[in-house]
């Protein structure tokens, strides 16, 4: 009941219409408490204003309750996007997985739905951090030295920045088996990277072993995720920067240039070696083949000359005069075939030799015949010619031997006459 008296308007202790506290006086009035009955009455009036006539009793309240229950049940419909997967929890425990599209679950607090994005590729940076500069363009990369400096297999220090790309492969395991997925993936990838770099020399890590390092780190990180049951698939490891530490990078580049010059000179020497050795071997083989051919040719020529000499000797032993004449004619033919000739009748009583000296001098150049040639015997002239032909032809040739033999035969014949 309110403190105010509706009949008289005074205080409950009397005093008529005197204002103030129970002890009288005109002190300040205290704040009055809210009237609960009045608030309930106003709430009922507000509800009846939206209901038709006749719903003011228990039947109306039942209908209102049913409407509220229907609205609660309809709140269980939910939509799963194409890149998501629905995970239904019943009283906080995993119950089922729903596909993309419109689905239904019992309303809260009975069932709740989580929709992680299972097709999105997530990126984790190790050794550096990138970002945006006020929303315009990319800010400069910031190195994280405690993550990027690693020890190589040959006890050198290397600065490595890399990125890990991963996605959700099993949504329930991802949600309930690990607490901080990104930190877990980062720690595992950094640990495997340090292990792989610790087995790799710095030179291979800087040059040709980048692909092998990426594959080894991806395989090792995936094995750790499978061991944890994290429901994560590591799709790729990307090496962003593989350099010596900034404090020694200039000296290291000088060493690299020296190594490159050494390799270039070695390649040039190998190329020269590969060019000169085959040519020398080919030249040596050619000389050997030529010598072999010359040997075979000389042997065959000697055998042929020997066979021919044996044949001539056999014919000479059977017919000496005929063979001697044939040899004489062949020798004369060889001697006079390319020389100027003067025919003299030796049987004349007093031959007058008119030699065409001008023509002979013109054909033989500055050669002058000896004065005593005209007074010599024709056989002596023929013998001298044979001797000159044999000396000009060489001492070892078959024609020279025949010429000497013919000269000796003519000398014997003249002496016999």
Protein backbone atom coordinates (compact mmCIF):
# COMPACT_ATOMS: atom_id res chain seq x y z
CA UNK A 1 0.00 0.00 0.00
CA UNK A 2 1.26 3.51 -0.70
CA UNK A 3 2.29 5.74 2.12
CA UNK A 4 0.00 8.53 1.05
CA UNK A 5 -3.53 8.77 2.50
CA UNK A 6 -6.07 9.22 -0.23
CA UNK A 7 -8.74 10.55 2.12
CA UNK A 8 -7.01 13.28 3.97
CA UNK A 9 -3.75 13.76 2.29
CA UNK A 10 -1.86 13.97 5.65
CA UNK A 11 0.68 11.74 7.30
CA UNK A 12 -0.29 8.47 9.05
CA UNK A 13 0.52 10.01 12.43
CA UNK A 14 -2.05 12.73 11.98
CA UNK A 15 -1.43 16.34 11.76
CA UNK A 16 -4.05 17.14 9.16
CA UNK A 17 -2.65 18.51 6.00
CA UNK A 18 0.68 19.45 7.52
CA UNK A 19 3.51 18.57 5.25
CA UNK A 20 6.76 17.05 6.48
CA UNK A 21 8.06 13.94 8.22
CA UNK A 22 6.41 11.87 10.92
CA UNK A 23 7.85 14.19 13.58
CA UNK A 24 6.49 17.24 11.85
CA UNK A 25 8.47 20.07 10.56
CA UNK A 26 9.26 21.02 7.00
CA UNK A 27 12.37 18.92 6.30
CA UNK A 28 13.30 17.65 2.84
CA UNK A 29 11.19 14.82 1.35
CA UNK A 30 12.85 11.40 0.76
CA UNK A 31 12.50 9.64 -2.71
CA UNK A 32 9.51 7.29 -2.80
CA UNK A 33 9.88 3.54 -3.71
CA UNK A 34 8.31 2.36 -7.07
CA UNK A 35 4.78 1.02 -6.88
CA UNK A 36 4.99 -2.67 -8.10
CA UNK A 37 1.26 -3.07 -8.42
CA UNK A 38 1.10 -0.08 -10.67
CA UNK A 39 3.88 -1.42 -12.88
CA UNK A 40 2.13 -4.81 -13.30
CA UNK A 41 -1.11 -3.13 -14.15
CA UNK A 42 0.52 -0.98 -16.80
CA UNK A 43 2.25 -4.05 -18.32
CA UNK A 44 -1.08 -5.93 -18.58
CA UNK A 45 -2.70 -2.96 -20.19
CA UNK A 46 0.11 -2.76 -22.74
CA UNK A 47 -0.27 -6.47 -23.71
CA UNK A 48 -4.07 -6.28 -23.93
CA UNK A 49 -3.73 -3.38 -26.32
CA UNK A 50 -2.23 -5.77 -28.98
CA UNK A 51 -4.61 -8.68 -28.34
CA UNK A 52 -8.11 -8.98 -29.68
CA UNK A 53 -11.07 -8.97 -27.28
CA UNK A 54 -11.59 -12.17 -25.32
CA UNK A 55 -7.87 -13.01 -24.88
CA UNK A 56 -7.48 -11.45 -21.55
CA UNK A 57 -7.81 -14.76 -19.63
CA UNK A 58 -5.73 -17.94 -19.38
CA UNK A 59 -6.50 -18.95 -22.94
CA UNK A 60 -4.82 -15.86 -24.29
CA UNK A 61 -1.71 -16.47 -22.26
CA UNK A 62 -1.49 -20.02 -23.60
CA UNK A 63 -1.67 -18.79 -27.15
CA UNK A 64 1.08 -16.29 -26.44
CA UNK A 65 3.23 -19.05 -24.99
CA UNK A 66 2.73 -21.20 -28.09
CA UNK A 67 3.72 -18.32 -30.34
CA UNK A 68 6.88 -17.77 -28.35
CA UNK A 69 7.72 -21.47 -28.52
CA UNK A 70 7.20 -21.45 -32.29
CA UNK A 71 9.51 -18.49 -32.68
CA UNK A 72 12.10 -20.28 -30.55
CA UNK A 73 11.88 -23.41 -32.68
CA UNK A 74 12.16 -21.42 -35.91
CA UNK A 75 15.39 -19.87 -34.64
CA UNK A 76 17.10 -23.23 -35.21
CA UNK A 77 17.40 -22.70 -38.98
CA UNK A 78 20.86 -21.61 -40.13
CA UNK A 79 22.81 -21.29 -43.39
CA UNK A 80 26.28 -22.69 -44.16
CA UNK A 81 28.23 -20.84 -46.87
CA UNK A 82 29.97 -22.72 -49.73
CA UNK A 83 33.45 -22.24 -48.21
CA UNK A 84 32.28 -23.29 -44.72
CA UNK A 85 31.35 -26.47 -42.89
CA UNK A 86 28.70 -26.70 -40.19
CA UNK A 87 29.73 -28.22 -36.84
CA UNK A 88 26.72 -28.90 -34.57
CA UNK A 89 27.32 -29.06 -30.82
CA UNK A 90 24.70 -30.53 -28.51
CA UNK A 91 25.07 -29.22 -24.97
CA UNK A 92 28.66 -28.26 -25.89
CA UNK A 93 29.73 -31.69 -27.27
CA UNK A 94 30.33 -32.48 -30.95
CA UNK A 95 27.28 -34.07 -32.55
CA UNK A 96 27.45 -33.92 -36.37
CA UNK A 97 28.74 -32.16 -39.48
CA UNK A 98 26.41 -30.39 -41.90
CA UNK A 99 26.98 -29.53 -45.55
CA UNK A 100 26.78 -26.05 -47.11
CA UNK A 101 23.25 -24.75 -47.57
CA UNK A 102 20.17 -24.32 -45.34
CA UNK A 103 20.19 -26.62 -42.30
CA UNK A 104 18.35 -26.99 -39.02
CA UNK A 105 19.54 -27.53 -35.45
CA UNK A 106 17.70 -27.48 -32.17
CA UNK A 107 17.65 -23.92 -30.86
CA UNK A 108 19.95 -22.71 -28.14
CA UNK A 109 20.79 -23.67 -25.54
CA UNK A 110 20.25 -27.26 -26.69
CA UNK A 111 22.38 -27.11 -29.85
CA UNK A 112 24.80 -24.54 -31.18
CA UNK A 113 26.46 -24.36 -34.62
CA UNK A 114 30.02 -23.40 -35.56
CA UNK A 115 30.90 -22.65 -39.22
CA UNK A 116 34.68 -22.62 -39.78
CA UNK A 117 35.94 -21.73 -43.29
CA UNK A 118 37.52 -24.98 -44.46
CA UNK A 119 38.54 -23.93 -48.00
CA UNK A 120 40.36 -20.70 -47.17
CA UNK A 121 44.17 -20.81 -47.46
CA UNK A 122 45.69 -19.28 -44.33
CA UNK A 123 49.16 -17.71 -44.29
CA UNK A 124 51.65 -17.56 -41.43
CA UNK A 125 54.88 -15.53 -41.68
CA UNK A 126 58.02 -16.73 -39.92
CA UNK A 127 61.08 -14.49 -39.62
CA UNK A 128 59.36 -11.33 -40.84
CA UNK A 129 56.13 -9.40 -40.59
CA UNK A 130 54.34 -7.56 -43.37
CA UNK A 131 51.41 -5.16 -43.19
CA UNK A 132 49.79 -2.08 -44.65
CA UNK A 133 50.83 1.53 -44.22
CA UNK A 134 47.65 3.45 -43.37
CA UNK A 135 45.67 1.35 -45.80
CA UNK A 136 47.67 2.59 -48.80
CA UNK A 137 50.21 0.16 -50.25
CA UNK A 138 52.39 -2.29 -48.38
CA UNK A 139 54.56 -1.28 -45.49
CA UNK A 140 58.22 -2.29 -45.48
CA UNK A 141 58.91 -5.79 -44.19
CA UNK A 142 60.02 -6.02 -40.60
CA UNK A 143 62.57 -8.69 -39.79
CA UNK A 144 62.19 -10.78 -36.66
CA UNK A 145 65.79 -11.75 -35.94
CA UNK A 146 65.00 -14.27 -33.21
CA UNK A 147 62.96 -16.29 -35.73
CA UNK A 148 65.02 -15.88 -38.91
CA UNK A 149 68.64 -16.53 -37.81
CA UNK A 150 69.48 -20.25 -38.05
CA UNK A 151 72.61 -22.41 -37.88
CA UNK A 152 73.55 -24.40 -41.00
CA UNK A 153 75.14 -27.83 -41.26
CA UNK A 154 78.64 -26.39 -41.77
CA UNK A 155 78.31 -24.13 -38.69
CA UNK A 156 77.45 -20.92 -40.52
CA UNK A 157 74.61 -18.53 -39.71
CA UNK A 158 71.93 -17.87 -42.29
CA UNK A 159 68.97 -15.48 -42.34
CA UNK A 160 65.78 -17.20 -43.60
CA UNK A 161 62.30 -15.75 -43.99
CA UNK A 162 59.50 -18.08 -45.07
CA UNK A 163 55.74 -18.39 -45.17
CA UNK A 164 53.51 -21.33 -44.28
CA UNK A 165 50.27 -21.86 -46.23
CA UNK A 166 47.69 -24.11 -44.57
CA UNK A 167 43.99 -24.90 -44.52
CA UNK A 168 41.50 -26.85 -42.40
CA UNK A 169 41.23 -30.49 -43.44
CA UNK A 170 39.13 -31.80 -40.50
CA UNK A 171 36.92 -29.22 -38.84
CA UNK A 172 36.08 -31.15 -35.60
CA UNK A 173 39.75 -31.94 -34.91
CA UNK A 174 40.68 -28.34 -35.72
CA UNK A 175 38.10 -26.97 -33.25
CA UNK A 176 38.57 -29.36 -30.33
CA UNK A 177 42.10 -30.86 -30.45
CA UNK A 178 44.24 -27.71 -30.45
CA UNK A 179 43.73 -24.42 -28.67
CA UNK A 180 45.76 -21.96 -30.78
CA UNK A 181 46.04 -23.30 -34.36
CA UNK A 182 48.11 -20.48 -35.83
CA UNK A 183 50.71 -20.52 -33.07
CA UNK A 184 50.88 -24.31 -33.25
CA UNK A 185 51.53 -24.30 -37.00
CA UNK A 186 54.09 -21.52 -36.66
CA UNK A 187 56.04 -23.25 -33.88
CA UNK A 188 56.06 -26.58 -35.71
CA UNK A 189 57.18 -25.08 -39.03
CA UNK A 190 59.97 -23.05 -37.39
CA UNK A 191 61.21 -26.13 -35.52
CA UNK A 192 61.28 -28.29 -38.66
CA UNK A 193 62.98 -25.50 -40.64
CA UNK A 194 65.78 -25.24 -38.06
CA UNK A 195 66.22 -29.02 -38.18
CA UNK A 196 66.45 -29.10 -42.00
CA UNK A 197 68.83 -26.11 -42.17
CA UNK A 198 70.99 -27.72 -39.48
CA UNK A 199 71.62 -30.62 -41.89
CA UNK A 200 72.23 -28.46 -44.99
CA UNK A 201 75.48 -26.60 -45.89
CA UNK A 202 75.12 -22.88 -46.42
CA UNK A 203 76.19 -23.00 -50.06
CA UNK A 204 73.45 -25.48 -51.01
CA UNK A 205 70.89 -23.58 -48.96
CA UNK A 206 71.69 -20.39 -50.87
CA UNK A 207 71.66 -21.97 -54.34
CA UNK A 208 70.22 -25.25 -55.55
CA UNK A 209 68.66 -26.74 -52.38
CA UNK A 210 65.75 -24.29 -51.98
CA UNK A 211 63.15 -26.64 -53.46
CA UNK A 212 64.39 -29.58 -51.37
CA UNK A 213 64.24 -27.46 -48.21
CA UNK A 214 60.66 -26.37 -48.91
CA UNK A 215 59.54 -29.94 -49.52
CA UNK A 216 61.31 -31.30 -46.43
CA UNK A 217 59.84 -28.60 -44.17
CA UNK A 218 56.33 -29.15 -45.54
CA UNK A 219 56.57 -32.90 -44.99
CA UNK A 220 57.94 -32.52 -41.45
CA UNK A 221 55.35 -29.93 -40.42
CA UNK A 222 52.51 -32.06 -41.80
CA UNK A 223 53.78 -35.05 -39.82
CA UNK A 224 53.65 -32.99 -36.60
CA UNK A 225 50.12 -31.78 -37.39
CA UNK A 226 48.99 -35.36 -38.00
CA UNK A 227 50.59 -36.45 -34.74
CA UNK A 228 48.70 -33.72 -32.88
CA UNK A 229 45.44 -34.57 -34.65
CA UNK A 230 45.10 -30.89 -35.48
CA UNK A 231 42.93 -31.31 -38.59
CA UNK A 232 45.29 -29.02 -40.54
CA UNK A 233 46.81 -29.59 -43.99
CA UNK A 234 50.05 -27.75 -44.78
CA UNK A 235 49.74 -26.95 -48.49
CA UNK A 236 53.01 -25.11 -49.19
CA UNK A 237 56.20 -23.66 -47.70
CA UNK A 238 57.51 -20.54 -49.46
CA UNK A 239 61.07 -19.35 -48.86
CA UNK A 240 60.97 -15.56 -49.09
CA UNK A 241 64.60 -14.71 -48.32
CA UNK A 242 67.69 -16.88 -47.86
CA UNK A 243 70.74 -14.67 -47.22
CA UNK A 244 73.72 -14.45 -44.91
CA UNK A 245 73.29 -12.13 -41.92
CA UNK A 246 73.26 -8.43 -42.78
CA UNK A 247 76.46 -7.78 -40.83
CA UNK A 248 78.57 -10.05 -43.07
CA UNK A 249 76.62 -10.06 -46.33
CA UNK A 250 79.17 -7.84 -48.19
CA UNK A 251 82.10 -10.09 -47.31
CA UNK A 252 80.07 -13.15 -48.15
CA UNK A 253 79.21 -11.73 -51.58
CA UNK A 254 82.93 -11.13 -52.23
CA UNK A 255 83.58 -14.76 -51.44
CA UNK A 256 80.72 -15.76 -53.73
CA UNK A 257 82.18 -13.71 -56.58
CA UNK A 258 85.58 -15.30 -56.05
CA UNK A 259 84.01 -18.75 -56.11
CA UNK A 260 82.14 -17.84 -59.29
CA UNK A 261 85.39 -16.69 -60.95
CA UNK A 262 87.10 -19.91 -59.89
CA UNK A 263 84.26 -21.97 -61.32
CA UNK A 264 84.32 -19.98 -64.56
CA UNK A 265 88.07 -20.48 -65.00
CA UNK A 266 87.70 -24.16 -64.24
CA UNK A 267 84.97 -24.48 -66.85
CA UNK A 268 87.10 -22.66 -69.41
CA UNK A 269 90.02 -24.99 -68.70
CA UNK A 270 87.76 -28.00 -69.01
CA UNK A 271 86.41 -26.70 -72.30
CA UNK A 272 89.94 -26.15 -73.66
CA UNK A 273 90.94 -29.62 -72.49
CA UNK A 274 87.91 -31.18 -74.11
CA UNK A 275 88.76 -29.35 -77.35
CA UNK A 276 92.52 -29.92 -77.62
CA UNK A 277 92.77 -33.53 -76.47
CA UNK A 278 90.36 -35.00 -79.04
CA UNK A 279 92.04 -33.01 -81.80
CA UNK A 280 95.49 -34.23 -80.72
CA UNK A 281 94.26 -37.79 -80.58
CA UNK A 282 92.72 -37.45 -84.01
CA UNK A 283 95.94 -36.01 -85.43
CA UNK A 284 97.97 -38.81 -83.88
CA UNK A 285 95.60 -41.40 -85.31
CA UNK A 286 95.82 -39.75 -88.73
CA UNK A 287 99.63 -39.85 -88.67
CA UNK A 288 99.57 -43.50 -87.62
CA UNK A 289 97.17 -44.34 -90.43
CA UNK A 290 99.28 -42.43 -92.98
CA UNK A 291 102.46 -44.19 -91.82
CA UNK A 292 100.71 -47.53 -92.01
CA UNK A 293 99.49 -46.74 -95.51
CA UNK A 294 102.95 -45.61 -96.62
CA UNK A 295 104.44 -48.79 -95.16
CA UNK A 296 101.97 -50.97 -96.99
CA UNK A 297 102.49 -49.01 -100.21
CA UNK A 298 106.29 -49.30 -100.07
CA UNK A 299 106.14 -53.00 -99.28
CA UNK A 300 103.74 -53.57 -102.16
CA UNK A 301 105.91 -51.44 -104.51
CA UNK A 302 109.07 -53.30 -103.51
CA UNK A 303 107.36 -56.62 -104.00
CA UNK A 304 106.15 -55.52 -107.42
CA UNK A 305 109.61 -54.29 -108.47
CA UNK A 306 111.15 -57.54 -107.29
CA UNK A 307 108.64 -59.59 -109.21
CA UNK A 308 109.19 -57.50 -112.33
CA UNK A 309 112.97 -57.80 -112.03
CA UNK A 310 112.67 -61.56 -111.67
CA UNK A 311 110.48 -61.65 -114.75
CA UNK A 312 112.97 -59.52 -116.75
CA UNK A 313 115.86 -61.71 -115.55
CA UNK A 314 114.02 -64.84 -116.65
CA UNK A 315 113.29 -63.36 -120.07
CA UNK A 316 116.94 -62.16 -120.43
CA UNK A 317 118.29 -65.60 -119.63
CA UNK A 318 116.13 -67.11 -122.33
CA UNK A 319 116.76 -64.49 -125.08
CA UNK A 320 119.71 -62.25 -124.33
CA UNK A 321 119.84 -60.34 -127.64
CA UNK A 322 116.14 -59.60 -127.78
CA UNK A 323 116.01 -58.57 -124.15
CA UNK A 324 119.11 -56.39 -124.54
CA UNK A 325 117.58 -54.66 -127.56
CA UNK A 326 114.28 -54.14 -125.78
CA UNK A 327 116.00 -52.64 -122.78
CA UNK A 328 118.06 -50.41 -125.04
CA UNK A 329 114.98 -49.16 -126.90
CA UNK A 330 113.05 -48.52 -123.70
CA UNK A 331 115.98 -46.59 -122.26
CA UNK A 332 116.39 -44.51 -125.39
CA UNK A 333 112.70 -43.75 -125.40
CA UNK A 334 112.88 -42.50 -121.82
CA UNK A 335 115.97 -40.41 -122.58
CA UNK A 336 114.89 -38.77 -125.82
CA UNK A 337 111.19 -38.38 -125.10
CA UNK A 338 111.47 -34.87 -123.64
CA UNK A 339 114.84 -33.69 -125.01
CA UNK A 340 115.99 -31.96 -128.20
CA UNK A 341 117.63 -34.35 -130.66
CA UNK A 342 120.24 -33.95 -133.42
CA UNK A 343 120.64 -36.87 -135.87
CA UNK A 344 124.19 -37.39 -137.30
CA UNK A 345 125.19 -39.87 -139.99
CA UNK A 346 128.23 -41.57 -138.49
CA UNK A 347 128.92 -43.58 -141.66
CA UNK A 348 129.59 -40.50 -143.81
CA UNK A 349 133.19 -40.06 -145.11
CA UNK A 350 133.64 -36.52 -143.82
CA UNK A 351 130.58 -35.41 -142.03
CA UNK A 352 130.15 -31.74 -141.57
CA UNK A 353 128.32 -31.14 -138.38
CA UNK A 354 126.02 -28.19 -138.61
CA UNK A 355 124.47 -28.03 -135.20
CA UNK A 356 121.57 -25.58 -134.61
CA UNK A 357 123.25 -23.96 -131.67
CA UNK A 358 120.87 -21.01 -131.56
CA UNK A 359 117.85 -23.25 -131.18
CA UNK A 360 119.62 -25.47 -128.66
CA UNK A 361 120.72 -22.46 -126.65
CA UNK A 362 117.20 -21.05 -126.75
CA UNK A 363 115.70 -24.31 -125.48
CA UNK A 364 118.34 -25.10 -122.85
CA UNK A 365 118.93 -21.59 -121.55
CA UNK A 366 122.55 -20.73 -120.84
CA UNK A 367 123.81 -24.33 -121.34
CA UNK A 368 126.71 -24.44 -123.95
CA UNK A 369 127.81 -27.73 -125.58
CA UNK A 370 131.35 -28.82 -125.03
CA UNK A 371 133.67 -28.43 -128.07
CA UNK A 372 134.87 -32.00 -127.85
CA UNK A 373 131.36 -33.48 -128.22
CA UNK A 374 131.53 -33.48 -132.03
CA UNK A 375 134.77 -35.42 -132.14
CA UNK A 376 133.62 -38.20 -129.77
CA UNK A 377 132.46 -41.55 -130.98
CA UNK A 378 128.69 -42.06 -131.16
CA UNK A 379 128.94 -44.98 -128.76
CA UNK A 380 130.73 -42.73 -126.26
CA UNK A 381 128.02 -40.14 -126.66
CA UNK A 382 125.34 -42.75 -126.10
CA UNK A 383 127.16 -44.07 -123.03
CA UNK A 384 127.46 -40.56 -121.57
CA UNK A 385 123.76 -39.99 -122.21
CA UNK A 386 122.86 -43.23 -120.47
CA UNK A 387 125.08 -42.31 -117.52
CA UNK A 388 123.54 -38.83 -117.25
CA UNK A 389 120.03 -40.27 -117.43
CA UNK A 390 120.83 -42.81 -114.74
CA UNK A 391 122.30 -40.13 -112.45
CA UNK A 392 119.32 -37.83 -112.98
CA UNK A 393 116.81 -40.62 -112.37
CA UNK A 394 118.32 -41.65 -109.00
CA UNK A 395 120.51 -44.47 -107.94
CA UNK A 396 117.82 -46.73 -106.53
CA UNK A 397 115.06 -46.63 -109.19
CA UNK A 398 114.54 -49.55 -111.62
CA UNK A 399 114.95 -47.26 -114.68
CA UNK A 400 118.37 -46.13 -113.42
CA UNK A 401 119.45 -49.74 -112.98
CA UNK A 402 118.33 -50.54 -116.51
CA UNK A 403 120.17 -47.49 -117.83
CA UNK A 404 123.43 -48.51 -116.13
CA UNK A 405 123.02 -52.07 -117.35
CA UNK A 406 122.44 -50.83 -120.93
CA UNK A 407 125.54 -48.58 -120.70
CA UNK A 408 127.70 -51.48 -119.53
CA UNK A 409 126.35 -53.72 -122.30
CA UNK A 410 127.12 -51.13 -125.01
CA UNK A 411 130.63 -50.67 -123.63
CA UNK A 412 131.29 -54.41 -123.77
CA UNK A 413 129.94 -54.62 -127.33
CA UNK A 414 132.20 -51.76 -128.51
CA UNK A 415 135.23 -53.31 -126.87
CA UNK A 416 134.49 -56.65 -128.54
CA UNK A 417 134.32 -54.92 -131.93
